[in-house]
Amino acid sequence: TDARRKEVYWARYADARTRLTEPAVDRPADLADQVAGVPAVGAGALLY
């Protein structure tokens, strides 16, 4: 989701009901290697 300040709130999921990581706030550029090509949903993913 959009965290403003050019950051996102985000987390990883195994499926729609199972979260794998604690929610975090980061700059999208710092996540590029982790999320590139991974299915993503939410306003933050659409924005970046």
ModelCIF file with pLDDT and N, C-alpha, C, O atoms, coordinates in Angstrom:
data_MODEL
#
_entry.id   MODEL 
#
_entity.id                         1 
_entity.type                       polymer 
_entity.pdbx_number_of_molecules   1 
#
_entity_poly.entity_id                      1 
_entity_poly.type                           'polypeptide(L)' 
_entity_poly.nstd_linkage                   no 
_entity_poly.nstd_monomer                   no 
_entity_poly.pdbx_seq_one_letter_code       TDARRKEVYWARYADARTRLTEPAVDRPADLADQVAGVPAVGAGALLY 
_entity_poly.pdbx_seq_one_letter_code_can   TDARRKEVYWARYADARTRLTEPAVDRPADLADQVAGVPAVGAGALLY 
_entity_poly.pdbx_strand_id                 A 
#
loop_
_entity_poly_seq.entity_id 
_entity_poly_seq.num 
_entity_poly_seq.mon_id 
_entity_poly_seq.hetero 
1 1  THR n 
1 2  ASP n 
1 3  ALA n 
1 4  ARG n 
1 5  ARG n 
1 6  LYS n 
1 7  GLU n 
1 8  VAL n 
1 9  TYR n 
1 10 TRP n 
1 11 ALA n 
1 12 ARG n 
1 13 TYR n 
1 14 ALA n 
1 15 ASP n 
1 16 ALA n 
1 17 ARG n 
1 18 THR n 
1 19 ARG n 
1 20 LEU n 
1 21 THR n 
1 22 GLU n 
1 23 PRO n 
1 24 ALA n 
1 25 VAL n 
1 26 ASP n 
1 27 ARG n 
1 28 PRO n 
1 29 ALA n 
1 30 ASP n 
1 31 LEU n 
1 32 ALA n 
1 33 ASP n 
1 34 GLN n 
1 35 VAL n 
1 36 ALA n 
1 37 GLY n 
1 38 VAL n 
1 39 PRO n 
1 40 ALA n 
1 41 VAL n 
1 42 GLY n 
1 43 ALA n 
1 44 GLY n 
1 45 ALA n 
1 46 LEU n 
1 47 LEU n 
1 48 TYR n 
#
_struct_asym.id          A 
_struct_asym.entity_id   1 
#
loop_
_ma_qa_metric.id 
_ma_qa_metric.mode 
_ma_qa_metric.name 
_ma_qa_metric.software_group_id 
_ma_qa_metric.type 
1 global pLDDT . pLDDT 
2 local  pLDDT . pLDDT 
#
_ma_qa_metric_global.metric_id      1 
_ma_qa_metric_global.metric_value   96.06 
_ma_qa_metric_global.model_id       1 
_ma_qa_metric_global.ordinal_id     1 
#
loop_
_ma_qa_metric_local.label_asym_id 
_ma_qa_metric_local.label_comp_id 
_ma_qa_metric_local.label_seq_id 
_ma_qa_metric_local.metric_id 
_ma_qa_metric_local.metric_value 
_ma_qa_metric_local.model_id 
_ma_qa_metric_local.ordinal_id 
A THR 1  2 97.00 1 1  
A ASP 2  2 95.00 1 2  
A ALA 3  2 94.00 1 3  
A ARG 4  2 90.00 1 4  
A ARG 5  2 90.00 1 5  
A LYS 6  2 94.00 1 6  
A GLU 7  2 96.00 1 7  
A VAL 8  2 97.00 1 8  
A TYR 9  2 97.00 1 9  
A TRP 10 2 97.00 1 10 
A ALA 11 2 98.00 1 11 
A ARG 12 2 98.00 1 12 
A TYR 13 2 98.00 1 13 
A ALA 14 2 98.00 1 14 
A ASP 15 2 97.00 1 15 
A ALA 16 2 97.00 1 16 
A ARG 17 2 96.00 1 17 
A THR 18 2 97.00 1 18 
A ARG 19 2 97.00 1 19 
A LEU 20 2 97.00 1 20 
A THR 21 2 97.00 1 21 
A GLU 22 2 96.00 1 22 
A PRO 23 2 97.00 1 23 
A ALA 24 2 96.00 1 24 
A VAL 25 2 96.00 1 25 
A ASP 26 2 96.00 1 26 
A ARG 27 2 96.00 1 27 
A PRO 28 2 96.00 1 28 
A ALA 29 2 94.00 1 29 
A ASP 30 2 96.00 1 30 
A LEU 31 2 95.00 1 31 
A ALA 32 2 95.00 1 32 
A ASP 33 2 94.00 1 33 
A GLN 34 2 94.00 1 34 
A VAL 35 2 96.00 1 35 
A ALA 36 2 93.00 1 36 
A GLY 37 2 94.00 1 37 
A VAL 38 2 97.00 1 38 
A PRO 39 2 98.00 1 39 
A ALA 40 2 98.00 1 40 
A VAL 41 2 98.00 1 41 
A GLY 42 2 97.00 1 42 
A ALA 43 2 97.00 1 43 
A GLY 44 2 97.00 1 44 
A ALA 45 2 97.00 1 45 
A LEU 46 2 97.00 1 46 
A LEU 47 2 97.00 1 47 
A TYR 48 2 97.00 1 48 
#
loop_
_atom_site.group_PDB 
_atom_site.id 
_atom_site.type_symbol 
_atom_site.label_atom_id 
_atom_site.label_alt_id 
_atom_site.label_comp_id 
_atom_site.label_asym_id 
_atom_site.label_entity_id 
_atom_site.label_seq_id 
_atom_site.pdbx_PDB_ins_code 
_atom_site.Cartn_x 
_atom_site.Cartn_y 
_atom_site.Cartn_z 
_atom_site.occupancy 
_atom_site.B_iso_or_equiv 
_atom_site.pdbx_formal_charge 
_atom_site.auth_seq_id 
_atom_site.auth_comp_id 
_atom_site.auth_asym_id 
_atom_site.auth_atom_id 
_atom_site.pdbx_PDB_model_num 
ATOM 1   N N  . THR A 1 1  ? 0.843  -1.186  0.000   1.00 97.00 ? 1  THR A N  1 
ATOM 2   C CA . THR A 1 1  ? 0.000  0.000   0.000   1.00 97.00 ? 1  THR A CA 1 
ATOM 3   C C  . THR A 1 1  ? 0.885  1.244   0.000   1.00 97.00 ? 1  THR A C  1 
ATOM 4   O O  . THR A 1 1  ? 2.067  1.180   0.336   1.00 97.00 ? 1  THR A O  1 
ATOM 5   N N  . ASP A 1 2  ? 0.303  2.360   -0.376  1.00 95.00 ? 2  ASP A N  1 
ATOM 6   C CA . ASP A 1 2  ? 1.062  3.606   -0.457  1.00 95.00 ? 2  ASP A CA 1 
ATOM 7   C C  . ASP A 1 2  ? 1.273  4.172   0.947   1.00 95.00 ? 2  ASP A C  1 
ATOM 8   O O  . ASP A 1 2  ? 0.310  4.514   1.632   1.00 95.00 ? 2  ASP A O  1 
ATOM 9   N N  . ALA A 1 3  ? 2.529  4.268   1.370   1.00 94.00 ? 3  ALA A N  1 
ATOM 10  C CA . ALA A 1 3  ? 2.850  4.815   2.690   1.00 94.00 ? 3  ALA A CA 1 
ATOM 11  C C  . ALA A 1 3  ? 3.209  6.298   2.616   1.00 94.00 ? 3  ALA A C  1 
ATOM 12  O O  . ALA A 1 3  ? 3.597  6.899   3.618   1.00 94.00 ? 3  ALA A O  1 
ATOM 13  N N  . ARG A 1 4  ? 3.079  6.884   1.425   1.00 90.00 ? 4  ARG A N  1 
ATOM 14  C CA . ARG A 1 4  ? 3.476  8.270   1.181   1.00 90.00 ? 4  ARG A CA 1 
ATOM 15  C C  . ARG A 1 4  ? 4.994  8.405   1.378   1.00 90.00 ? 4  ARG A C  1 
ATOM 16  O O  . ARG A 1 4  ? 5.680  7.414   1.633   1.00 90.00 ? 4  ARG A O  1 
ATOM 17  N N  . ARG A 1 5  ? 5.505  9.616   1.261   1.00 90.00 ? 5  ARG A N  1 
ATOM 18  C CA . ARG A 1 5  ? 6.947  9.863   1.408   1.00 90.00 ? 5  ARG A CA 1 
ATOM 19  C C  . ARG A 1 5  ? 7.777  8.957   0.493   1.00 90.00 ? 5  ARG A C  1 
ATOM 20  O O  . ARG A 1 5  ? 8.923  8.634   0.808   1.00 90.00 ? 5  ARG A O  1 
ATOM 21  N N  . LYS A 1 6  ? 7.203  8.554   -0.626  1.00 94.00 ? 6  LYS A N  1 
ATOM 22  C CA . LYS A 1 6  ? 7.872  7.677   -1.588  1.00 94.00 ? 6  LYS A CA 1 
ATOM 23  C C  . LYS A 1 6  ? 8.257  6.338   -0.963  1.00 94.00 ? 6  LYS A C  1 
ATOM 24  O O  . LYS A 1 6  ? 9.315  5.780   -1.257  1.00 94.00 ? 6  LYS A O  1 
ATOM 25  N N  . GLU A 1 7  ? 7.366  5.827   -0.083  1.00 96.00 ? 7  GLU A N  1 
ATOM 26  C CA . GLU A 1 7  ? 7.555  4.526   0.561   1.00 96.00 ? 7  GLU A CA 1 
ATOM 27  C C  . GLU A 1 7  ? 6.284  3.694   0.425   1.00 96.00 ? 7  GLU A C  1 
ATOM 28  O O  . GLU A 1 7  ? 5.226  4.202   0.056   1.00 96.00 ? 7  GLU A O  1 
ATOM 29  N N  . VAL A 1 8  ? 6.414  2.396   0.733   1.00 97.00 ? 8  VAL A N  1 
ATOM 30  C CA . VAL A 1 8  ? 5.253  1.505   0.740   1.00 97.00 ? 8  VAL A CA 1 
ATOM 31  C C  . VAL A 1 8  ? 5.229  0.707   2.041   1.00 97.00 ? 8  VAL A C  1 
ATOM 32  O O  . VAL A 1 8  ? 6.270  0.405   2.625   1.00 97.00 ? 8  VAL A O  1 
ATOM 33  N N  . TYR A 1 9  ? 4.020  0.376   2.478   1.00 97.00 ? 9  TYR A N  1 
ATOM 34  C CA . TYR A 1 9  ? 3.829  -0.640  3.510   1.00 97.00 ? 9  TYR A CA 1 
ATOM 35  C C  . TYR A 1 9  ? 3.641  -1.950  2.755   1.00 97.00 ? 9  TYR A C  1 
ATOM 36  O O  . TYR A 1 9  ? 2.888  -2.000  1.783   1.00 97.00 ? 9  TYR A O  1 
ATOM 37  N N  . TRP A 1 10 ? 4.314  -3.008  3.191   1.00 97.00 ? 10 TRP A N  1 
ATOM 38  C CA . TRP A 1 10 ? 4.212  -4.242  2.422   1.00 97.00 ? 10 TRP A CA 1 
ATOM 39  C C  . TRP A 1 10 ? 4.458  -5.470  3.276   1.00 97.00 ? 10 TRP A C  1 
ATOM 40  O O  . TRP A 1 10 ? 4.973  -5.380  4.390   1.00 97.00 ? 10 TRP A O  1 
ATOM 41  N N  . ALA A 1 11 ? 4.077  -6.631  2.731   1.00 98.00 ? 11 ALA A N  1 
ATOM 42  C CA . ALA A 1 11 ? 4.335  -7.918  3.372   1.00 98.00 ? 11 ALA A CA 1 
ATOM 43  C C  . ALA A 1 11 ? 4.231  -9.015  2.324   1.00 98.00 ? 11 ALA A C  1 
ATOM 44  O O  . ALA A 1 11 ? 3.597  -8.843  1.283   1.00 98.00 ? 11 ALA A O  1 
ATOM 45  N N  . ARG A 1 12 ? 4.866  -10.150 2.617   1.00 98.00 ? 12 ARG A N  1 
ATOM 46  C CA . ARG A 1 12 ? 4.820  -11.323 1.729   1.00 98.00 ? 12 ARG A CA 1 
ATOM 47  C C  . ARG A 1 12 ? 3.750  -12.301 2.221   1.00 98.00 ? 12 ARG A C  1 
ATOM 48  O O  . ARG A 1 12 ? 3.492  -12.412 3.420   1.00 98.00 ? 12 ARG A O  1 
ATOM 49  N N  . TYR A 1 13 ? 3.132  -13.009 1.262   1.00 98.00 ? 13 TYR A N  1 
ATOM 50  C CA . TYR A 1 13 ? 2.094  -13.994 1.573   1.00 98.00 ? 13 TYR A CA 1 
ATOM 51  C C  . TYR A 1 13 ? 2.349  -15.295 0.819   1.00 98.00 ? 13 TYR A C  1 
ATOM 52  O O  . TYR A 1 13 ? 2.838  -15.285 -0.310  1.00 98.00 ? 13 TYR A O  1 
ATOM 53  N N  . ALA A 1 14 ? 2.013  -16.412 1.456   1.00 98.00 ? 14 ALA A N  1 
ATOM 54  C CA . ALA A 1 14 ? 2.087  -17.711 0.787   1.00 98.00 ? 14 ALA A CA 1 
ATOM 55  C C  . ALA A 1 14 ? 0.844  -17.931 -0.059  1.00 98.00 ? 14 ALA A C  1 
ATOM 56  O O  . ALA A 1 14 ? 0.899  -18.558 -1.118  1.00 98.00 ? 14 ALA A O  1 
ATOM 57  N N  . ASP A 1 15 ? -0.279 -17.407 0.423   1.00 97.00 ? 15 ASP A N  1 
ATOM 58  C CA . ASP A 1 15 ? -1.557 -17.452 -0.284  1.00 97.00 ? 15 ASP A CA 1 
ATOM 59  C C  . ASP A 1 15 ? -2.433 -16.358 0.324   1.00 97.00 ? 15 ASP A C  1 
ATOM 60  O O  . ASP A 1 15 ? -1.967 -15.582 1.158   1.00 97.00 ? 15 ASP A O  1 
ATOM 61  N N  . ALA A 1 16 ? -3.683 -16.294 -0.083  1.00 97.00 ? 16 ALA A N  1 
ATOM 62  C CA . ALA A 1 16 ? -4.544 -15.188 0.335   1.00 97.00 ? 16 ALA A CA 1 
ATOM 63  C C  . ALA A 1 16 ? -4.786 -15.126 1.838   1.00 97.00 ? 16 ALA A C  1 
ATOM 64  O O  . ALA A 1 16 ? -5.198 -14.088 2.356   1.00 97.00 ? 16 ALA A O  1 
ATOM 65  N N  . ARG A 1 17 ? -4.537 -16.216 2.534   1.00 96.00 ? 17 ARG A N  1 
ATOM 66  C CA . ARG A 1 17 ? -4.832 -16.246 3.968   1.00 96.00 ? 17 ARG A CA 1 
ATOM 67  C C  . ARG A 1 17 ? -3.577 -16.335 4.846   1.00 96.00 ? 17 ARG A C  1 
ATOM 68  O O  . ARG A 1 17 ? -3.673 -16.186 6.064   1.00 96.00 ? 17 ARG A O  1 
ATOM 69  N N  . THR A 1 18 ? -2.413 -16.573 4.253   1.00 97.00 ? 18 THR A N  1 
ATOM 70  C CA . THR A 1 18 ? -1.221 -16.886 5.042   1.00 97.00 ? 18 THR A CA 1 
ATOM 71  C C  . THR A 1 18 ? -0.124 -15.849 4.819   1.00 97.00 ? 18 THR A C  1 
ATOM 72  O O  . THR A 1 18 ? 0.499  -15.819 3.758   1.00 97.00 ? 18 THR A O  1 
ATOM 73  N N  . ARG A 1 19 ? 0.110  -15.004 5.814   1.00 97.00 ? 19 ARG A N  1 
ATOM 74  C CA . ARG A 1 19 ? 1.184  -14.016 5.729   1.00 97.00 ? 19 ARG A CA 1 
ATOM 75  C C  . ARG A 1 19 ? 2.480  -14.645 6.196   1.00 97.00 ? 19 ARG A C  1 
ATOM 76  O O  . ARG A 1 19 ? 2.513  -15.349 7.206   1.00 97.00 ? 19 ARG A O  1 
ATOM 77  N N  . LEU A 1 20 ? 3.563  -14.386 5.448   1.00 97.00 ? 20 LEU A N  1 
ATOM 78  C CA . LEU A 1 20 ? 4.863  -14.975 5.746   1.00 97.00 ? 20 LEU A CA 1 
ATOM 79  C C  . LEU A 1 20 ? 5.794  -14.037 6.511   1.00 97.00 ? 20 LEU A C  1 
ATOM 80  O O  . LEU A 1 20 ? 6.675  -14.498 7.236   1.00 97.00 ? 20 LEU A O  1 
ATOM 81  N N  . THR A 1 21 ? 5.607  -12.724 6.356   1.00 97.00 ? 21 THR A N  1 
ATOM 82  C CA . THR A 1 21 ? 6.506  -11.756 6.980   1.00 97.00 ? 21 THR A CA 1 
ATOM 83  C C  . THR A 1 21 ? 5.710  -10.708 7.754   1.00 97.00 ? 21 THR A C  1 
ATOM 84  O O  . THR A 1 21 ? 4.522  -10.498 7.513   1.00 97.00 ? 21 THR A O  1 
ATOM 85  N N  . GLU A 1 22 ? 6.391  -10.068 8.676   1.00 96.00 ? 22 GLU A N  1 
ATOM 86  C CA . GLU A 1 22 ? 5.761  -8.965  9.392   1.00 96.00 ? 22 GLU A CA 1 
ATOM 87  C C  . GLU A 1 22 ? 5.633  -7.768  8.454   1.00 96.00 ? 22 GLU A C  1 
ATOM 88  O O  . GLU A 1 22 ? 6.485  -7.576  7.587   1.00 96.00 ? 22 GLU A O  1 
ATOM 89  N N  . PRO A 1 23 ? 4.590  -6.964  8.611   1.00 97.00 ? 23 PRO A N  1 
ATOM 90  C CA . PRO A 1 23 ? 4.474  -5.762  7.787   1.00 97.00 ? 23 PRO A CA 1 
ATOM 91  C C  . PRO A 1 23 ? 5.693  -4.861  7.970   1.00 97.00 ? 23 PRO A C  1 
ATOM 92  O O  . PRO A 1 23 ? 6.245  -4.762  9.065   1.00 97.00 ? 23 PRO A O  1 
ATOM 93  N N  . ALA A 1 24 ? 6.103  -4.210  6.889   1.00 96.00 ? 24 ALA A N  1 
ATOM 94  C CA . ALA A 1 24 ? 7.277  -3.344  6.915   1.00 96.00 ? 24 ALA A CA 1 
ATOM 95  C C  . ALA A 1 24 ? 7.006  -2.096  6.095   1.00 96.00 ? 24 ALA A C  1 
ATOM 96  O O  . ALA A 1 24 ? 6.078  -2.063  5.287   1.00 96.00 ? 24 ALA A O  1 
ATOM 97  N N  . VAL A 1 25 ? 7.821  -1.072  6.306   1.00 96.00 ? 25 VAL A N  1 
ATOM 98  C CA . VAL A 1 25 ? 7.757  0.133   5.480   1.00 96.00 ? 25 VAL A CA 1 
ATOM 99  C C  . VAL A 1 25 ? 9.133  0.357   4.866   1.00 96.00 ? 25 VAL A C  1 
ATOM 100 O O  . VAL A 1 25 ? 10.136 0.395   5.579   1.00 96.00 ? 25 VAL A O  1 
ATOM 101 N N  . ASP A 1 26 ? 9.182  0.506   3.541   1.00 96.00 ? 26 ASP A N  1 
ATOM 102 C CA . ASP A 1 26 ? 10.454 0.633   2.835   1.00 96.00 ? 26 ASP A CA 1 
ATOM 103 C C  . ASP A 1 26 ? 10.273 1.477   1.580   1.00 96.00 ? 26 ASP A C  1 
ATOM 104 O O  . ASP A 1 26 ? 9.159  1.679   1.095   1.00 96.00 ? 26 ASP A O  1 
ATOM 105 N N  . ARG A 1 27 ? 11.398 1.962   1.071   1.00 96.00 ? 27 ARG A N  1 
ATOM 106 C CA . ARG A 1 27 ? 11.403 2.600   -0.237  1.00 96.00 ? 27 ARG A CA 1 
ATOM 107 C C  . ARG A 1 27 ? 11.336 1.509   -1.306  1.00 96.00 ? 27 ARG A C  1 
ATOM 108 O O  . ARG A 1 27 ? 12.050 0.511   -1.213  1.00 96.00 ? 27 ARG A O  1 
ATOM 109 N N  . PRO A 1 28 ? 10.495 1.689   -2.311  1.00 96.00 ? 28 PRO A N  1 
ATOM 110 C CA . PRO A 1 28 ? 10.375 0.650   -3.342  1.00 96.00 ? 28 PRO A CA 1 
ATOM 111 C C  . PRO A 1 28 ? 11.696 0.233   -3.955  1.00 96.00 ? 28 PRO A C  1 
ATOM 112 O O  . PRO A 1 28 ? 11.911 -0.953  -4.207  1.00 96.00 ? 28 PRO A O  1 
ATOM 113 N N  . ALA A 1 29 ? 12.583 1.182   -4.201  1.00 94.00 ? 29 ALA A N  1 
ATOM 114 C CA . ALA A 1 29 ? 13.859 0.841   -4.837  1.00 94.00 ? 29 ALA A CA 1 
ATOM 115 C C  . ALA A 1 29 ? 14.660 -0.150  -4.014  1.00 94.00 ? 29 ALA A C  1 
ATOM 116 O O  . ALA A 1 29 ? 15.426 -0.943  -4.562  1.00 94.00 ? 29 ALA A O  1 
ATOM 117 N N  . ASP A 1 30 ? 14.483 -0.106  -2.686  1.00 96.00 ? 30 ASP A N  1 
ATOM 118 C CA . ASP A 1 30 ? 15.217 -1.021  -1.813  1.00 96.00 ? 30 ASP A CA 1 
ATOM 119 C C  . ASP A 1 30 ? 14.658 -2.443  -1.863  1.00 96.00 ? 30 ASP A C  1 
ATOM 120 O O  . ASP A 1 30 ? 15.280 -3.381  -1.364  1.00 96.00 ? 30 ASP A O  1 
ATOM 121 N N  . LEU A 1 31 ? 13.479 -2.594  -2.471  1.00 95.00 ? 31 LEU A N  1 
ATOM 122 C CA . LEU A 1 31 ? 12.821 -3.903  -2.530  1.00 95.00 ? 31 LEU A CA 1 
ATOM 123 C C  . LEU A 1 31 ? 12.937 -4.566  -3.892  1.00 95.00 ? 31 LEU A C  1 
ATOM 124 O O  . LEU A 1 31 ? 12.473 -5.690  -4.080  1.00 95.00 ? 31 LEU A O  1 
ATOM 125 N N  . ALA A 1 32 ? 13.554 -3.876  -4.844  1.00 95.00 ? 32 ALA A N  1 
ATOM 126 C CA . ALA A 1 32 ? 13.513 -4.324  -6.232  1.00 95.00 ? 32 ALA A CA 1 
ATOM 127 C C  . ALA A 1 32 ? 13.940 -5.783  -6.398  1.00 95.00 ? 32 ALA A C  1 
ATOM 128 O O  . ALA A 1 32 ? 13.283 -6.539  -7.114  1.00 95.00 ? 32 ALA A O  1 
ATOM 129 N N  . ASP A 1 33 ? 15.014 -6.178  -5.756  1.00 94.00 ? 33 ASP A N  1 
ATOM 130 C CA . ASP A 1 33 ? 15.507 -7.544  -5.916  1.00 94.00 ? 33 ASP A CA 1 
ATOM 131 C C  . ASP A 1 33 ? 14.561 -8.566  -5.299  1.00 94.00 ? 33 ASP A C  1 
ATOM 132 O O  . ASP A 1 33 ? 14.534 -9.721  -5.725  1.00 94.00 ? 33 ASP A O  1 
ATOM 133 N N  . GLN A 1 34 ? 13.782 -8.153  -4.296  1.00 94.00 ? 34 GLN A N  1 
ATOM 134 C CA . GLN A 1 34 ? 12.895 -9.081  -3.591  1.00 94.00 ? 34 GLN A CA 1 
ATOM 135 C C  . GLN A 1 34 ? 11.544 -9.252  -4.274  1.00 94.00 ? 34 GLN A C  1 
ATOM 136 O O  . GLN A 1 34 ? 10.934 -10.317 -4.173  1.00 94.00 ? 34 GLN A O  1 
ATOM 137 N N  . VAL A 1 35 ? 11.068 -8.217  -4.969  1.00 96.00 ? 35 VAL A N  1 
ATOM 138 C CA . VAL A 1 35 ? 9.695  -8.253  -5.476  1.00 96.00 ? 35 VAL A CA 1 
ATOM 139 C C  . VAL A 1 35 ? 9.582  -8.276  -6.997  1.00 96.00 ? 35 VAL A C  1 
ATOM 140 O O  . VAL A 1 35 ? 8.483  -8.448  -7.523  1.00 96.00 ? 35 VAL A O  1 
ATOM 141 N N  . ALA A 1 36 ? 10.675 -8.108  -7.705  1.00 93.00 ? 36 ALA A N  1 
ATOM 142 C CA . ALA A 1 36 ? 10.619 -8.092  -9.170  1.00 93.00 ? 36 ALA A CA 1 
ATOM 143 C C  . ALA A 1 36 ? 10.018 -9.393  -9.706  1.00 93.00 ? 36 ALA A C  1 
ATOM 144 O O  . ALA A 1 36 ? 10.521 -10.479 -9.419  1.00 93.00 ? 36 ALA A O  1 
ATOM 145 N N  . GLY A 1 37 ? 8.957  -9.279  -10.472 1.00 94.00 ? 37 GLY A N  1 
ATOM 146 C CA . GLY A 1 37 ? 8.320  -10.440 -11.079 1.00 94.00 ? 37 GLY A CA 1 
ATOM 147 C C  . GLY A 1 37 ? 7.389  -11.203 -10.168 1.00 94.00 ? 37 GLY A C  1 
ATOM 148 O O  . GLY A 1 37 ? 6.670  -12.091 -10.626 1.00 94.00 ? 37 GLY A O  1 
ATOM 149 N N  . VAL A 1 38 ? 7.383  -10.874 -8.866  1.00 97.00 ? 38 VAL A N  1 
ATOM 150 C CA . VAL A 1 38 ? 6.508  -11.566 -7.917  1.00 97.00 ? 38 VAL A CA 1 
ATOM 151 C C  . VAL A 1 38 ? 5.095  -10.985 -8.039  1.00 97.00 ? 38 VAL A C  1 
ATOM 152 O O  . VAL A 1 38 ? 4.948  -9.764  -8.075  1.00 97.00 ? 38 VAL A O  1 
ATOM 153 N N  . PRO A 1 39 ? 4.062  -11.813 -8.104  1.00 98.00 ? 39 PRO A N  1 
ATOM 154 C CA . PRO A 1 39 ? 2.705  -11.270 -8.135  1.00 98.00 ? 39 PRO A CA 1 
ATOM 155 C C  . PRO A 1 39 ? 2.494  -10.296 -6.983  1.00 98.00 ? 39 PRO A C  1 
ATOM 156 O O  . PRO A 1 39 ? 2.925  -10.556 -5.859  1.00 98.00 ? 39 PRO A O  1 
ATOM 157 N N  . ALA A 1 40 ? 1.828  -9.169  -7.261  1.00 98.00 ? 40 ALA A N  1 
ATOM 158 C CA . ALA A 1 40 ? 1.649  -8.136  -6.249  1.00 98.00 ? 40 ALA A CA 1 
ATOM 159 C C  . ALA A 1 40 ? 0.296  -7.469  -6.422  1.00 98.00 ? 40 ALA A C  1 
ATOM 160 O O  . ALA A 1 40 ? -0.196 -7.318  -7.540  1.00 98.00 ? 40 ALA A O  1 
ATOM 161 N N  . VAL A 1 41 ? -0.300 -7.069  -5.303  1.00 98.00 ? 41 VAL A N  1 
ATOM 162 C CA . VAL A 1 41 ? -1.563 -6.332  -5.337  1.00 98.00 ? 41 VAL A CA 1 
ATOM 163 C C  . VAL A 1 41 ? -1.469 -5.146  -4.390  1.00 98.00 ? 41 VAL A C  1 
ATOM 164 O O  . VAL A 1 41 ? -0.612 -5.103  -3.508  1.00 98.00 ? 41 VAL A O  1 
ATOM 165 N N  . GLY A 1 42 ? -2.364 -4.185  -4.587  1.00 97.00 ? 42 GLY A N  1 
ATOM 166 C CA . GLY A 1 42 ? -2.423 -3.025  -3.710  1.00 97.00 ? 42 GLY A CA 1 
ATOM 167 C C  . GLY A 1 42 ? -1.993 -1.746  -4.407  1.00 97.00 ? 42 GLY A C  1 
ATOM 168 O O  . GLY A 1 42 ? -1.286 -1.775  -5.415  1.00 97.00 ? 42 GLY A O  1 
ATOM 169 N N  . ALA A 1 43 ? -2.434 -0.614  -3.849  1.00 97.00 ? 43 ALA A N  1 
ATOM 170 C CA . ALA A 1 43 ? -2.151 0.686   -4.451  1.00 97.00 ? 43 ALA A CA 1 
ATOM 171 C C  . ALA A 1 43 ? -0.661 0.971   -4.527  1.00 97.00 ? 43 ALA A C  1 
ATOM 172 O O  . ALA A 1 43 ? -0.209 1.627   -5.466  1.00 97.00 ? 43 ALA A O  1 
ATOM 173 N N  . GLY A 1 44 ? 0.112  0.494   -3.558  1.00 97.00 ? 44 GLY A N  1 
ATOM 174 C CA . GLY A 1 44 ? 1.557  0.714   -3.581  1.00 97.00 ? 44 GLY A CA 1 
ATOM 175 C C  . GLY A 1 44 ? 2.224  0.009   -4.742  1.00 97.00 ? 44 GLY A C  1 
ATOM 176 O O  . GLY A 1 44 ? 3.132  0.549   -5.375  1.00 97.00 ? 44 GLY A O  1 
ATOM 177 N N  . ALA A 1 45 ? 1.768  -1.204  -5.018  1.00 97.00 ? 45 ALA A N  1 
ATOM 178 C CA . ALA A 1 45 ? 2.327  -1.960  -6.143  1.00 97.00 ? 45 ALA A CA 1 
ATOM 179 C C  . ALA A 1 45 ? 1.958  -1.307  -7.474  1.00 97.00 ? 45 ALA A C  1 
ATOM 180 O O  . ALA A 1 45 ? 2.769  -1.277  -8.400  1.00 97.00 ? 45 ALA A O  1 
ATOM 181 N N  . LEU A 1 46 ? 0.746  -0.789  -7.566  1.00 97.00 ? 46 LEU A N  1 
ATOM 182 C CA . LEU A 1 46 ? 0.319  -0.103  -8.787  1.00 97.00 ? 46 LEU A CA 1 
ATOM 183 C C  . LEU A 1 46 ? 1.088  1.198   -8.985  1.00 97.00 ? 46 LEU A C  1 
ATOM 184 O O  . LEU A 1 46 ? 1.443  1.550   -10.111 1.00 97.00 ? 46 LEU A O  1 
ATOM 185 N N  . LEU A 1 47 ? 1.344  1.909   -7.895  1.00 97.00 ? 47 LEU A N  1 
ATOM 186 C CA . LEU A 1 47 ? 2.035  3.188   -7.971  1.00 97.00 ? 47 LEU A CA 1 
ATOM 187 C C  . LEU A 1 47 ? 3.487  3.026   -8.398  1.00 97.00 ? 47 LEU A C  1 
ATOM 188 O O  . LEU A 1 47 ? 4.030  3.859   -9.123  1.00 97.00 ? 47 LEU A O  1 
ATOM 189 N N  . TYR A 1 48 ? 4.108  1.941   -7.939  1.00 97.00 ? 48 TYR A N  1 
ATOM 190 C CA . TYR A 1 48 ? 5.525  1.699   -8.248  1.00 97.00 ? 48 TYR A CA 1 
ATOM 191 C C  . TYR A 1 48 ? 5.670  0.435   -9.093  1.00 97.00 ? 48 TYR A C  1 
ATOM 192 O O  . TYR A 1 48 ? 6.785  0.060   -9.457  1.00 97.00 ? 48 TYR A O  1 
#
